[in-house]
Protein backbone atom coordinates (compact mmCIF):
# COMPACT_ATOMS: atom_id res chain seq x y z
CA MET A 1 134.06 82.60 88.62
CA PRO A 2 133.55 85.18 85.84
CA LYS A 3 130.18 86.89 85.77
CA LYS A 4 127.90 85.68 82.99
CA ARG A 5 127.53 88.35 80.34
CA ILE A 6 124.03 89.29 79.28
CA PRO A 7 123.18 90.36 75.70
CA PRO A 8 121.97 93.99 75.39
CA SER A 9 118.55 92.78 74.17
CA GLU A 10 118.02 90.89 77.45
CA ARG A 11 119.06 93.93 79.49
CA LEU A 12 116.62 96.06 77.53
CA SER A 13 113.87 93.52 78.24
CA LYS A 14 114.49 93.99 81.97
CA ASN A 15 114.43 97.77 81.53
CA ILE A 16 111.07 97.47 79.76
CA LEU A 17 109.65 95.41 82.63
CA GLU A 18 110.86 97.98 85.17
CA LEU A 19 109.30 100.77 83.13
CA VAL A 20 106.03 98.86 82.93
CA GLN A 21 105.90 98.76 86.74
CA ASN A 22 106.29 102.54 86.82
CA LEU A 23 103.52 102.87 84.23
CA SER A 24 101.21 101.01 86.60
CA ASN A 25 102.01 103.41 89.40
CA ASN A 26 101.82 106.70 87.54
CA GLY A 27 98.73 108.70 86.65
CA ASN A 28 100.24 110.66 83.72
CA ASN A 29 101.98 108.08 81.54
CA GLN A 30 102.65 110.09 78.37
CA GLU A 31 106.39 110.54 78.98
CA LEU A 32 106.82 106.97 80.20
CA LEU A 33 104.97 105.56 77.19
CA SER A 34 107.37 107.48 74.92
CA LYS A 35 110.32 105.90 76.77
CA LEU A 36 108.67 102.49 76.44
CA MET A 37 108.43 102.98 72.67
CA GLN A 38 112.11 103.94 72.48
CA LEU A 39 113.18 100.94 74.56
CA SER A 40 111.05 98.67 72.39
CA MET A 41 112.71 99.99 69.25
CA ARG A 42 116.16 99.55 70.74
CA LYS A 43 115.32 96.01 71.81
CA THR A 44 114.02 95.11 68.35
CA ILE A 45 117.13 96.47 66.62
CA GLN A 46 119.42 94.71 69.11
CA GLU A 47 117.61 91.41 68.53
CA ILE A 48 117.94 91.78 64.73
CA LEU A 49 121.67 92.57 64.95
CA GLU A 50 122.34 89.80 67.47
CA GLN A 51 120.44 87.32 65.30
CA GLU A 52 122.52 88.34 62.28
CA VAL A 53 125.75 87.56 64.19
CA THR A 54 124.31 84.26 65.46
CA GLU A 55 123.58 83.24 61.90
CA HIS A 56 127.01 84.41 60.68
CA ILE A 57 129.12 82.53 63.24
CA GLY A 58 126.75 79.57 63.50
CA LYS A 59 126.20 79.44 67.26
CA GLY A 60 124.02 81.07 69.89
CA TYR A 61 125.09 83.60 72.50
CA TYR A 62 125.80 81.07 75.25
CA GLU A 63 127.00 78.24 73.00
CA HIS A 64 130.67 77.20 73.03
CA GLY A 65 132.82 75.80 70.28
CA GLN A 66 135.01 77.02 67.46
CA SER A 67 133.75 78.76 64.34
CA ARG A 68 135.69 79.60 61.23
CA ASN A 69 133.57 82.71 60.93
CA GLY A 70 134.90 84.07 64.21
CA ASP A 71 133.56 84.68 67.72
CA ARG A 72 131.66 87.42 69.49
CA ASN A 73 133.90 90.16 70.81
CA GLY A 74 131.75 92.59 72.74
CA TYR A 75 129.83 95.58 71.43
CA LYS A 76 130.55 98.99 69.95
CA PRO A 77 128.21 101.93 70.72
CA ALA A 78 126.40 103.49 67.76
CA HIS A 79 123.35 105.67 67.20
CA ILE A 80 120.25 105.65 65.03
CA ARG A 81 118.26 108.83 64.57
CA THR A 82 114.47 108.54 64.69
CA ALA A 83 111.69 111.12 64.41
CA GLU A 84 111.80 111.70 68.18
CA ASP A 85 115.36 111.14 69.32
CA LYS A 86 118.68 109.40 68.85
CA LEU A 87 118.71 105.76 69.97
CA LEU A 88 121.85 104.18 71.46
CA ILE A 89 122.50 100.81 69.85
CA GLU A 90 125.26 98.37 70.83
CA LYS A 91 126.59 96.86 67.60
CA PRO A 92 127.88 93.28 68.06
CA GLN A 93 131.55 92.81 67.14
CA VAL A 94 133.12 89.65 65.69
CA ASP A 95 136.79 88.71 66.13
CA ASP A 96 139.12 85.96 64.87
CA ALA A 97 137.26 85.57 61.56
CA ASN A 98 138.89 84.63 58.28
CA GLU A 99 137.29 87.74 56.80
CA PRO A 100 136.17 90.90 58.63
CA PHE A 101 132.50 90.85 59.60
CA ARG A 102 130.38 93.68 58.24
CA SER A 103 126.72 93.92 59.14
CA ASN A 104 124.38 94.05 56.16
CA VAL A 105 121.46 94.78 58.47
CA TRP A 106 122.91 97.87 60.16
CA LYS A 107 123.05 100.12 57.09
CA HIS A 108 119.60 99.00 55.99
CA VAL A 109 117.99 99.58 59.41
CA LYS A 110 119.53 103.07 59.66
CA GLY A 111 117.81 104.05 56.43
CA ASN A 112 114.41 102.64 57.39
CA THR A 113 113.68 103.98 60.86
CA GLU A 114 110.15 105.11 59.94
CA ARG A 115 109.20 101.64 58.73
CA LEU A 116 110.95 100.14 61.72
CA GLU A 117 108.84 102.22 64.11
CA LYS A 118 105.68 100.87 62.50
CA ILE A 119 106.92 97.29 62.76
CA VAL A 120 107.84 97.78 66.42
CA VAL A 121 104.36 99.05 67.18
CA GLU A 122 102.93 95.95 65.55
CA MET A 123 105.36 93.59 67.27
CA TYR A 124 104.60 94.89 70.73
CA ALA A 125 100.95 95.90 70.33
CA ARG A 126 99.65 93.29 67.91
CA GLY A 127 102.28 90.68 67.08
CA CYS A 128 103.47 90.88 63.49
CA SER A 129 104.02 87.99 61.09
CA THR A 130 107.27 86.64 59.70
CA ARG A 131 106.30 88.18 56.35
CA ASP A 132 106.05 91.63 58.00
CA ILE A 133 109.61 91.35 59.31
CA GLU A 134 110.85 90.03 55.96
CA ALA A 135 109.41 93.12 54.27
CA LEU A 136 111.37 95.35 56.62
CA LEU A 137 114.65 93.47 56.15
CA LYS A 138 114.84 93.51 52.33
CA ASP A 139 117.61 95.50 50.69
CA GLU A 140 117.22 97.68 47.58
CA TYR A 141 117.54 94.59 45.36
CA GLY A 142 114.81 92.67 47.17
CA ASN A 143 117.22 90.32 48.96
CA ILE A 144 116.26 89.30 52.51
CA LEU A 145 119.11 90.22 54.86
CA LEU A 146 118.34 87.45 57.36
CA SER A 147 117.33 83.86 56.65
CA LYS A 148 113.71 82.75 57.11
CA SER A 149 114.69 80.67 60.14
CA ALA A 150 116.39 83.67 61.78
CA ILE A 151 113.35 85.89 61.12
CA SER A 152 111.03 83.17 62.43
CA GLN A 153 113.08 83.07 65.63
CA LEU A 154 112.66 86.83 66.05
CA ASN A 155 108.91 86.45 65.64
CA SER A 156 108.81 83.64 68.20
CA ARG A 157 110.01 86.00 70.98
CA LEU A 158 106.47 87.18 71.66
CA TRP A 159 105.27 83.60 72.09
CA GLN A 160 108.13 82.98 74.52
CA GLU A 161 107.07 86.07 76.48
CA TYR A 162 103.50 84.73 76.62
CA GLU A 163 104.68 81.32 77.85
CA SER A 164 106.81 83.03 80.48
CA PHE A 165 103.83 85.13 81.56
CA CYS A 166 101.73 81.96 82.03
CA LYS A 167 104.30 80.68 84.54
CA THR A 168 104.75 83.91 86.53
CA ASP A 169 104.95 83.29 90.28
CA LEU A 170 101.99 85.05 91.90
CA SER A 171 102.86 84.28 95.52
CA GLY A 172 104.34 87.77 95.96
CA TYR A 173 101.14 89.45 94.73
CA ASP A 174 98.69 90.53 97.45
CA VAL A 175 95.58 90.31 95.26
CA VAL A 176 92.47 91.94 96.72
CA TYR A 177 90.04 91.91 93.78
CA ILE A 178 89.89 89.81 90.60
CA PHE A 179 87.87 90.13 87.39
CA CYS A 180 87.02 87.20 85.13
CA ASP A 181 85.78 87.45 81.56
CA ALA A 182 86.32 86.02 78.06
CA VAL A 183 86.89 87.36 74.55
CA TYR A 184 86.07 85.25 71.48
CA GLU A 185 88.24 84.92 68.37
CA SER A 186 88.44 82.74 65.22
CA LEU A 187 91.68 80.89 65.94
CA ARG A 188 91.69 78.47 63.01
CA LEU A 189 92.46 78.94 59.31
CA HIS A 190 89.40 76.98 58.23
CA LYS A 191 85.91 78.16 59.09
CA SER A 192 85.02 77.13 62.63
CA PRO A 193 83.19 78.56 65.66
CA LYS A 194 84.96 81.29 67.59
CA GLU A 195 86.83 80.14 70.68
CA GLY A 196 86.97 81.75 74.08
CA ILE A 197 90.14 83.26 75.49
CA LEU A 198 89.62 83.30 79.26
CA VAL A 199 91.20 86.24 81.07
CA VAL A 200 91.69 87.15 84.74
CA TRP A 201 92.78 90.58 85.99
CA GLY A 202 93.56 91.65 89.53
CA ILE A 203 93.82 94.71 91.74
CA LEU A 204 96.60 94.45 94.33
CA SER A 205 96.66 95.92 97.83
CA SER A 206 99.06 98.53 96.43
CA GLY A 207 96.23 99.66 94.13
CA ALA A 208 98.01 98.44 90.97
CA LYS A 209 95.96 96.64 88.31
CA VAL A 210 97.62 93.61 86.73
CA LEU A 211 96.91 90.94 84.13
CA LEU A 212 97.05 87.58 85.97
CA ALA A 213 96.02 84.90 83.47
CA MET A 214 95.07 84.35 79.84
CA GLU A 215 94.24 80.87 78.56
CA LEU A 216 92.30 79.24 75.76
CA GLY A 217 88.90 77.89 76.82
CA ASN A 218 86.92 76.67 73.82
CA LYS A 219 83.44 76.78 75.32
CA GLU A 220 83.97 78.95 78.44
CA SER A 221 82.61 75.95 80.37
CA TYR A 222 82.93 74.91 84.00
CA ASP A 223 85.92 72.70 83.15
CA ASP A 224 87.66 75.48 81.21
CA TRP A 225 87.30 78.05 83.99
CA LEU A 226 88.19 75.54 86.71
CA GLN A 227 91.45 74.82 84.88
CA VAL A 228 92.25 78.56 84.76
CA TYR A 229 91.56 78.95 88.49
CA ARG A 230 93.57 75.84 89.39
CA ASN A 231 96.54 77.16 87.41
CA LEU A 232 96.29 80.47 89.29
CA ARG A 233 96.36 78.55 92.56
CA LYS A 234 99.39 76.53 91.44
CA ARG A 235 101.19 79.78 90.63
CA GLY A 236 100.60 81.00 94.19
CA LEU A 237 97.52 83.23 93.97
CA ASN A 238 96.12 84.06 97.41
CA ASP A 239 92.39 84.19 98.24
CA PRO A 240 91.05 87.47 96.80
CA VAL A 241 88.47 89.37 98.83
CA LEU A 242 86.08 89.67 95.90
CA GLY A 243 85.78 88.40 92.33
CA THR A 244 83.63 89.99 89.63
CA SER A 245 82.20 88.16 86.61
CA ASP A 246 79.15 87.85 84.41
CA GLY A 247 76.45 85.23 85.00
CA ALA A 248 77.84 82.35 82.92
CA PRO A 249 76.78 79.21 84.86
CA GLY A 250 80.03 77.32 84.25
CA LEU A 251 82.11 80.29 85.37
CA ILE A 252 80.06 80.74 88.57
CA LYS A 253 80.26 77.07 89.50
CA ALA A 254 84.03 76.92 88.93
CA PHE A 255 84.60 80.19 90.79
CA GLU A 256 82.67 79.10 93.89
CA GLU A 257 84.58 75.81 93.93
CA ALA A 258 88.02 77.38 93.49
CA PHE A 259 87.47 80.46 95.68
CA SER A 260 85.13 79.34 98.43
CA LYS A 261 86.44 82.08 100.75
CA THR A 262 85.97 84.89 98.21
CA LEU A 263 82.91 87.08 97.72
CA ARG A 264 81.39 86.69 94.25
CA GLN A 265 80.18 89.89 92.59
CA ARG A 266 77.81 89.73 89.62
CA CYS A 267 78.72 92.31 86.98
CA LEU A 268 76.07 95.02 87.32
CA VAL A 269 76.50 96.26 83.75
CA HIS A 270 75.60 92.83 82.37
CA LYS A 271 72.86 92.33 84.94
CA LYS A 272 71.13 95.64 84.27
CA ARG A 273 71.31 94.99 80.54
CA ASN A 274 69.59 91.62 81.02
CA ILE A 275 66.81 93.16 83.10
CA LEU A 276 66.22 96.18 80.86
CA ASN A 277 65.95 93.91 77.81
CA LYS A 278 62.75 92.54 79.37
CA VAL A 279 60.90 95.87 79.66
CA PRO A 280 59.39 98.10 76.92
CA GLN A 281 61.51 101.00 75.70
CA GLU A 282 59.24 103.65 77.24
CA ALA A 283 59.78 102.13 80.72
CA VAL A 284 63.58 101.78 80.57
CA SER A 285 64.39 105.12 82.22
CA GLU A 286 62.12 104.53 85.23
CA VAL A 287 63.24 100.94 85.74
CA LYS A 288 66.91 102.01 85.53
CA ILE A 289 66.38 104.59 88.31
CA TYR A 290 64.90 101.91 90.57
CA LEU A 291 67.72 99.49 89.74
CA ASN A 292 70.40 102.06 90.56
CA SER A 293 68.71 102.80 93.90
CA VAL A 294 69.20 99.11 94.76
CA TYR A 295 72.66 98.42 93.33
CA PHE A 296 74.24 101.65 94.53
CA ALA A 297 72.54 101.95 97.91
CA PRO A 298 74.83 103.01 100.80
CA ASP A 299 74.53 99.60 102.51
CA LYS A 300 72.89 96.20 102.17
CA GLN A 301 70.00 97.00 104.50
CA SER A 302 69.02 99.95 102.34
CA ALA A 303 69.55 97.88 99.19
CA TYR A 304 67.12 95.15 100.29
CA ALA A 305 64.52 97.81 101.22
CA GLN A 306 64.88 99.32 97.74
CA ALA A 307 64.64 95.83 96.22
CA LYS A 308 61.22 95.39 97.86
CA ALA A 309 60.14 98.74 96.39
CA PHE A 310 61.30 97.54 92.96
CA ARG A 311 59.19 94.38 93.23
CA ASP A 312 56.16 96.28 94.46
CA ARG A 313 56.40 98.76 91.60
CA PHE A 314 57.09 96.39 88.68
CA GLY A 315 56.04 92.91 89.85
CA ARG A 316 52.73 92.89 87.98
CA LEU A 317 53.84 95.04 85.05
CA TYR A 318 57.06 93.22 84.12
CA PRO A 319 57.24 89.82 85.90
CA SER A 320 60.07 88.55 83.65
CA ALA A 321 62.22 91.58 84.50
CA VAL A 322 61.55 91.18 88.22
CA SER A 323 62.38 87.46 88.04
CA SER A 324 65.69 88.33 86.37
CA PHE A 325 66.29 90.97 89.06
CA ASP A 326 65.74 88.47 91.90
CA ASP A 327 68.06 85.90 90.30
CA ASP A 328 71.48 86.09 92.02
CA LEU A 329 70.56 89.28 93.93
CA ASP A 330 72.97 88.56 96.80
CA ALA A 331 75.89 88.39 94.34
CA CYS A 332 74.79 91.72 92.83
CA LEU A 333 75.17 93.34 96.26
CA ALA A 334 78.44 91.67 97.34
CA HIS A 335 80.50 94.80 96.56
CA MET A 336 78.77 96.57 99.48
CA GLU A 337 80.97 94.58 101.87
CA CYS A 338 84.01 96.41 100.51
CA PRO A 339 85.23 100.00 101.03
CA ALA A 340 82.72 102.50 99.60
CA LYS A 341 85.22 104.23 97.30
CA HIS A 342 86.21 100.92 95.72
CA ARG A 343 82.68 99.88 94.78
CA ARG A 344 82.49 101.65 91.42
CA HIS A 345 85.72 99.90 90.41
CA ILE A 346 84.65 96.39 91.42
CA SER A 347 80.91 96.20 90.72
CA SER A 348 81.39 95.44 87.02
CA THR A 349 83.87 93.91 84.58
CA ASN A 350 84.41 97.26 82.82
CA LEU A 351 88.16 96.89 83.35
CA ALA A 352 88.07 93.74 81.23
CA GLU A 353 85.63 95.14 78.68
CA ARG A 354 87.82 98.17 77.92
CA ALA A 355 90.84 95.95 77.35
CA PHE A 356 88.79 93.65 75.11
CA LEU A 357 87.69 96.60 72.98
CA GLU A 358 91.36 97.39 72.28
CA GLU A 359 92.07 93.73 71.53
CA LYS A 360 89.10 93.56 69.15
CA ARG A 361 90.17 96.76 67.40
CA ARG A 362 93.42 95.07 66.49
CA SER A 363 92.09 91.58 65.73
CA ASN A 364 89.34 92.93 63.45
CA THR A 365 92.03 93.82 60.91
CA ILE A 366 92.69 90.07 60.55
CA PRO A 367 89.75 88.05 59.10
CA ARG A 368 90.98 84.75 60.51
CA PHE A 369 94.15 83.55 62.22
CA PHE A 370 96.28 80.85 60.60
CA GLU A 371 96.78 79.03 63.87
CA GLU A 372 95.99 79.11 67.58
CA LYS A 373 99.39 80.58 68.45
CA SER A 374 98.83 83.66 66.28
CA GLY A 375 95.52 84.46 67.96
CA LEU A 376 96.87 83.95 71.47
CA LYS A 377 99.94 86.08 70.69
CA LEU A 378 97.79 88.92 69.43
CA ALA A 379 95.45 88.75 72.41
CA PHE A 380 98.36 88.63 74.86
CA ALA A 381 100.22 91.51 73.20
CA SER A 382 97.08 93.67 73.13
CA LEU A 383 95.95 92.90 76.69
CA ILE A 384 99.37 93.20 78.32
CA ARG A 385 99.90 96.53 76.52
CA ALA A 386 96.49 97.75 77.72
CA SER A 387 97.46 96.83 81.28
CA TYR A 388 100.46 99.19 81.09
CA THR A 389 98.13 102.19 81.01
CA TRP A 390 95.74 101.22 83.83
CA ARG A 391 95.64 103.66 86.70
CA LYS A 392 96.00 102.59 90.30
CA ILE A 393 93.13 102.85 92.74
CA LYS A 394 93.79 104.30 96.18
CA PHE A 395 93.88 102.25 99.37
CA THR A 396 93.73 104.64 102.30
CA PHE A 397 94.67 103.53 105.80
CA ASP A 398 91.00 103.05 106.73
CA GLU A 399 90.39 101.08 103.54
CA GLN A 400 93.38 98.85 104.25
CA ILE A 401 91.97 98.12 107.71
CA LYS A 402 88.57 97.39 106.17
CA ILE A 403 90.17 94.87 103.81
CA LEU A 404 92.04 93.19 106.69
CA GLU A 405 88.80 92.93 108.68
CA LEU A 406 87.02 91.49 105.66
CA ARG A 407 89.81 88.94 105.10
CA HIS A 408 89.48 87.87 108.74
CA LYS A 409 85.70 87.55 108.37
CA LEU A 410 86.11 85.42 105.22
CA GLY A 411 88.66 83.17 106.94
CA HIS A 412 91.72 84.12 104.88
CA LYS A 413 95.21 83.31 106.06
CA ALA A 414 97.32 86.40 106.72
CA LYS A 415 100.06 87.01 104.16
CA LYS A 416 103.56 87.29 105.60
CA GLU A 417 104.65 89.93 103.09
CA GLN A 418 102.35 92.93 103.02
CA SER A 419 103.25 96.52 102.14
CA ILE A 420 102.41 97.86 105.61
CA ARG A 421 104.17 101.09 106.52
CA ASN A 422 101.75 102.79 108.91
CA PRO A 423 102.59 101.81 112.56
CA LYS A 424 98.90 101.49 113.45
CA ARG A 425 98.37 99.11 110.57
CA ILE A 426 101.42 97.08 111.62
CA ALA A 427 99.92 96.63 115.09
CA TYR A 428 96.54 95.74 113.61
CA ALA A 429 98.11 93.26 111.16
CA LYS A 430 99.94 91.50 114.02
CA THR A 431 96.65 91.08 115.84
CA PHE A 432 95.07 89.84 112.62
CA SER A 433 97.89 87.26 112.14
CA GLN A 434 97.58 86.00 115.71
CA GLN A 435 93.84 85.50 115.26
CA ASN A 436 94.54 83.38 112.23
């Protein structure tokens, strides 16, 4: 049976995904990011040219049937010169047509590489509109070189990528830590309250940081978060060792129900902010020192001793601050169960906050989205792009053993597929599996 041919744009999509994996594993990503930009440009040009042929012959790539305008007949290599380099493009060829096919798009794209680069940045980092693409594909007389339906189909690719992301199988991910937070956007044309986009990130046992979920949750309620967590479970997410979030009551309730065998860590950045808001400005520095002595103590025993000192020092002066401090204290210290070098990475939702800042920087250029899809596309494009640049955290042999011991203590089932290369860890993992 003949092997199914794959359009160049689909092959480039796979290359982009492979490059993204390398970006997650590499500390200095400057060169790889440049390659990612080039691949993205090539993919965009290929999609435009392939869409032009689809429109000309009247059928999709995998559709059969005769066409008086001819049939696809492979590709011819060509090049486009950009500011950085020459890009290899595979120009679609058409055969058996009544008249020879000549691409109107090709000549126009070659003369507009600078504008194309800007559009590509928007398509992959923000999500551009159909009107943006129309502006790029107008000839010198103002005629649009592709139909509105063809341009709309190009623009829908990002939404298809988001839908595919939402169905990604997570059973092969050995997730150790997760982070849960929300960003709010105006997702309707008419004036209405902002809606929450609920996001979950993870750190794998390989040290890689990945975006796991992104869903609409109007009120960031218990029901909204529980739906997100249930979908993660359906997609195969294992029990993480620890999950970090702010103190939203609905989130906490849903988390404890969905991940009963996972430690819950209260975000210390949010918590300290809440406490310090309840003390006068002149006392902030002293209170912060006491708080840090608790939250960053070497172990829990020391932390609880420092907590008593905090109460003794500020109980009468600032009772509201001390009450806030005592609320959910155990969750504030959960990170102390984990390897010491990981604690600064997992004791707050800073990973999420940094990504949200980038998302907000882009969305602030748009006063209000026309529809829910536009907002979700922008958020997805921004957050997934931010995830490409995250650096791995290290899991040493001793830290891997610590995580295995912690999983056993929490009652987790051993995963069959773990990236275990050290012989000592293999022996330990076998013992761990037998005990489970």
